[in-house]
Amino acid sequence: MDDNPLDTTANTENLGPVFLGIDRAIFSLSTIIVVPRLYTQLRITRNFGWDHITIALTQVLEKHFSVGFEEVLTCSS
């Protein structure tokens, strides 16, 4: 009974590290994609529009909120 991977009654007391790992992985992947795109638009094509400003702002805000989320998760455990 304990070996069932679909068991939803598993101990879910502290999922903070799982959420932090997922958040860091997604942020890292998006940064790997966004930084070369912004570099290309700024240096090569010299065409930096509102969409690129939105992308850069989103990256900064995501990092800001993920740090706050990490503090909440570590304080509650």
N, C-alpha and C. Protein backbone atom coordinates (compact mmCIF):
# COMPACT_ATOMS: atom_id res chain seq x y z
N MET A 1 0.82 -1.19 0.00
CA MET A 1 0.00 0.00 0.00
C MET A 1 0.86 1.25 0.00
N ASP A 2 2.01 1.24 0.69
CA ASP A 2 2.87 2.41 0.76
C ASP A 2 3.66 2.64 -0.53
N ASP A 3 3.74 1.60 -1.39
CA ASP A 3 4.52 1.73 -2.61
C ASP A 3 3.72 2.30 -3.78
N ASN A 4 2.47 2.65 -3.55
CA ASN A 4 1.63 3.16 -4.63
C ASN A 4 2.02 4.61 -4.95
N PRO A 5 2.53 4.88 -6.17
CA PRO A 5 2.92 6.25 -6.50
C PRO A 5 1.73 7.18 -6.70
N LEU A 6 0.55 6.62 -6.87
CA LEU A 6 -0.66 7.43 -7.07
C LEU A 6 -1.40 7.71 -5.77
N ASP A 7 -0.83 7.30 -4.66
CA ASP A 7 -1.47 7.50 -3.37
C ASP A 7 -1.47 8.99 -3.02
N THR A 8 -2.66 9.58 -2.89
CA THR A 8 -2.77 11.00 -2.60
C THR A 8 -2.79 11.29 -1.11
N THR A 9 -2.70 10.26 -0.29
CA THR A 9 -2.70 10.47 1.15
C THR A 9 -1.28 10.48 1.70
N ALA A 10 -0.30 10.66 0.81
CA ALA A 10 1.10 10.68 1.24
C ALA A 10 1.35 11.89 2.13
N ASN A 11 2.41 11.84 2.86
CA ASN A 11 2.77 12.93 3.76
C ASN A 11 3.17 14.16 2.94
N THR A 12 2.33 15.17 2.95
CA THR A 12 2.60 16.40 2.20
C THR A 12 2.83 17.56 3.15
N GLU A 13 3.40 17.26 4.30
CA GLU A 13 3.59 18.27 5.33
C GLU A 13 4.52 19.39 4.89
N ASN A 14 5.64 19.05 4.24
CA ASN A 14 6.60 20.08 3.86
C ASN A 14 7.00 19.90 2.40
N LEU A 15 6.28 20.58 1.52
CA LEU A 15 6.60 20.53 0.10
C LEU A 15 7.40 21.76 -0.33
N GLY A 16 7.84 22.57 0.61
CA GLY A 16 8.58 23.78 0.31
C GLY A 16 9.80 23.55 -0.56
N PRO A 17 10.67 22.59 -0.22
CA PRO A 17 11.85 22.35 -1.06
C PRO A 17 11.49 21.93 -2.49
N VAL A 18 10.40 21.20 -2.65
CA VAL A 18 9.96 20.81 -3.99
C VAL A 18 9.56 22.04 -4.79
N PHE A 19 8.76 22.92 -4.19
CA PHE A 19 8.33 24.13 -4.87
C PHE A 19 9.52 25.02 -5.21
N LEU A 20 10.49 25.12 -4.31
CA LEU A 20 11.67 25.94 -4.57
C LEU A 20 12.49 25.35 -5.71
N GLY A 21 12.62 24.05 -5.75
CA GLY A 21 13.37 23.42 -6.83
C GLY A 21 12.72 23.63 -8.18
N ILE A 22 11.40 23.51 -8.23
CA ILE A 22 10.68 23.74 -9.48
C ILE A 22 10.81 25.20 -9.90
N ASP A 23 10.66 26.11 -8.94
CA ASP A 23 10.76 27.53 -9.24
C ASP A 23 12.15 27.89 -9.77
N ARG A 24 13.18 27.37 -9.15
CA ARG A 24 14.54 27.66 -9.59
C ARG A 24 14.83 27.07 -10.96
N ALA A 25 14.32 25.89 -11.22
CA ALA A 25 14.54 25.26 -12.53
C ALA A 25 13.86 26.06 -13.64
N ILE A 26 12.63 26.48 -13.41
CA ILE A 26 11.91 27.24 -14.42
C ILE A 26 12.55 28.61 -14.62
N PHE A 27 12.97 29.26 -13.53
CA PHE A 27 13.63 30.56 -13.65
C PHE A 27 14.94 30.43 -14.41
N SER A 28 15.71 29.39 -14.12
CA SER A 28 16.98 29.18 -14.82
C SER A 28 16.76 28.96 -16.30
N LEU A 29 15.78 28.14 -16.64
CA LEU A 29 15.49 27.88 -18.05
C LEU A 29 15.03 29.15 -18.77
N SER A 30 14.15 29.91 -18.12
CA SER A 30 13.69 31.14 -18.76
C SER A 30 14.81 32.16 -18.90
N THR A 31 15.72 32.21 -17.95
CA THR A 31 16.85 33.13 -18.04
C THR A 31 17.78 32.74 -19.19
N ILE A 32 17.99 31.44 -19.36
CA ILE A 32 18.83 30.96 -20.46
C ILE A 32 18.22 31.34 -21.81
N ILE A 33 16.91 31.42 -21.88
CA ILE A 33 16.23 31.78 -23.12
C ILE A 33 16.15 33.30 -23.29
N VAL A 34 15.87 34.03 -22.22
CA VAL A 34 15.60 35.47 -22.31
C VAL A 34 16.87 36.28 -22.51
N VAL A 35 17.95 35.96 -21.82
CA VAL A 35 19.16 36.78 -21.91
C VAL A 35 19.71 36.83 -23.34
N PRO A 36 19.86 35.73 -24.04
CA PRO A 36 20.34 35.85 -25.43
C PRO A 36 19.36 36.61 -26.33
N ARG A 37 18.08 36.46 -26.08
CA ARG A 37 17.10 37.19 -26.88
C ARG A 37 17.25 38.70 -26.69
N LEU A 38 17.36 39.13 -25.43
CA LEU A 38 17.52 40.55 -25.15
C LEU A 38 18.85 41.07 -25.69
N TYR A 39 19.90 40.28 -25.56
CA TYR A 39 21.20 40.69 -26.10
C TYR A 39 21.11 40.87 -27.61
N THR A 40 20.48 39.94 -28.28
CA THR A 40 20.34 40.02 -29.73
C THR A 40 19.57 41.27 -30.13
N GLN A 41 18.49 41.55 -29.42
CA GLN A 41 17.69 42.72 -29.77
C GLN A 41 18.42 44.03 -29.48
N LEU A 42 19.20 44.06 -28.42
CA LEU A 42 19.91 45.30 -28.06
C LEU A 42 21.15 45.54 -28.94
N ARG A 43 21.95 44.53 -29.13
CA ARG A 43 23.26 44.71 -29.78
C ARG A 43 23.26 44.44 -31.28
N ILE A 44 22.53 43.42 -31.71
CA ILE A 44 22.63 43.04 -33.11
C ILE A 44 21.61 43.77 -33.97
N THR A 45 20.34 43.68 -33.60
CA THR A 45 19.30 44.30 -34.43
C THR A 45 18.99 45.73 -34.01
N ARG A 46 19.38 46.10 -32.80
CA ARG A 46 19.11 47.44 -32.25
C ARG A 46 17.62 47.80 -32.34
N ASN A 47 16.81 46.80 -32.10
CA ASN A 47 15.36 46.98 -32.16
C ASN A 47 14.78 46.48 -30.83
N PHE A 48 14.71 47.38 -29.86
CA PHE A 48 14.26 47.02 -28.52
C PHE A 48 12.91 47.67 -28.29
N GLY A 49 11.85 46.85 -28.28
CA GLY A 49 10.50 47.39 -28.17
C GLY A 49 9.85 47.12 -26.83
N TRP A 50 8.57 47.43 -26.76
CA TRP A 50 7.82 47.27 -25.50
C TRP A 50 7.75 45.81 -25.09
N ASP A 51 7.73 44.89 -26.04
CA ASP A 51 7.66 43.48 -25.69
C ASP A 51 8.93 43.02 -24.98
N HIS A 52 10.08 43.55 -25.37
CA HIS A 52 11.33 43.18 -24.71
C HIS A 52 11.43 43.80 -23.33
N ILE A 53 10.91 45.00 -23.18
CA ILE A 53 10.86 45.62 -21.85
C ILE A 53 9.97 44.79 -20.93
N THR A 54 8.86 44.30 -21.45
CA THR A 54 7.95 43.47 -20.66
C THR A 54 8.63 42.17 -20.25
N ILE A 55 9.37 41.57 -21.15
CA ILE A 55 10.08 40.33 -20.83
C ILE A 55 11.11 40.56 -19.73
N ALA A 56 11.89 41.64 -19.85
CA ALA A 56 12.91 41.94 -18.85
C ALA A 56 12.27 42.25 -17.50
N LEU A 57 11.19 43.02 -17.50
CA LEU A 57 10.48 43.34 -16.27
C LEU A 57 9.91 42.09 -15.61
N THR A 58 9.40 41.19 -16.41
CA THR A 58 8.85 39.94 -15.89
C THR A 58 9.93 39.10 -15.22
N GLN A 59 11.12 39.04 -15.82
CA GLN A 59 12.22 38.30 -15.21
C GLN A 59 12.60 38.89 -13.85
N VAL A 60 12.68 40.22 -13.79
CA VAL A 60 13.05 40.87 -12.53
C VAL A 60 11.98 40.63 -11.47
N LEU A 61 10.71 40.77 -11.85
CA LEU A 61 9.63 40.57 -10.88
C LEU A 61 9.54 39.12 -10.43
N GLU A 62 9.78 38.18 -11.34
CA GLU A 62 9.72 36.77 -10.95
C GLU A 62 10.80 36.47 -9.93
N LYS A 63 11.98 37.01 -10.13
CA LYS A 63 13.07 36.77 -9.17
C LYS A 63 12.74 37.42 -7.83
N HIS A 64 12.17 38.61 -7.88
CA HIS A 64 11.80 39.31 -6.65
C HIS A 64 10.77 38.51 -5.86
N PHE A 65 9.72 38.04 -6.54
CA PHE A 65 8.68 37.30 -5.84
C PHE A 65 9.14 35.91 -5.43
N SER A 66 10.07 35.31 -6.17
CA SER A 66 10.54 33.99 -5.77
C SER A 66 11.38 34.07 -4.51
N VAL A 67 12.12 35.16 -4.32
CA VAL A 67 12.89 35.34 -3.09
C VAL A 67 11.93 35.50 -1.91
N GLY A 68 10.86 36.27 -2.09
CA GLY A 68 9.86 36.42 -1.03
C GLY A 68 9.17 35.10 -0.72
N PHE A 69 8.89 34.33 -1.77
CA PHE A 69 8.25 33.03 -1.60
C PHE A 69 9.17 32.08 -0.84
N GLU A 70 10.46 32.16 -1.12
CA GLU A 70 11.44 31.31 -0.43
C GLU A 70 11.48 31.65 1.07
N GLU A 71 11.41 32.94 1.39
CA GLU A 71 11.42 33.34 2.79
C GLU A 71 10.19 32.82 3.51
N VAL A 72 9.04 32.85 2.86
CA VAL A 72 7.80 32.36 3.47
C VAL A 72 7.90 30.85 3.71
N LEU A 73 8.43 30.12 2.73
CA LEU A 73 8.53 28.67 2.88
C LEU A 73 9.53 28.27 3.95
N THR A 74 10.64 28.98 4.05
CA THR A 74 11.63 28.60 5.04
C THR A 74 11.21 29.01 6.46
N CYS A 75 10.41 30.07 6.58
CA CYS A 75 9.95 30.48 7.90
C CYS A 75 8.86 29.56 8.43
N SER A 76 8.08 28.98 7.52
CA SER A 76 6.95 28.16 7.97
C SER A 76 7.37 26.74 8.31
N SER A 77 8.57 26.33 7.93
CA SER A 77 8.98 24.95 8.21
C SER A 77 9.72 24.84 9.52
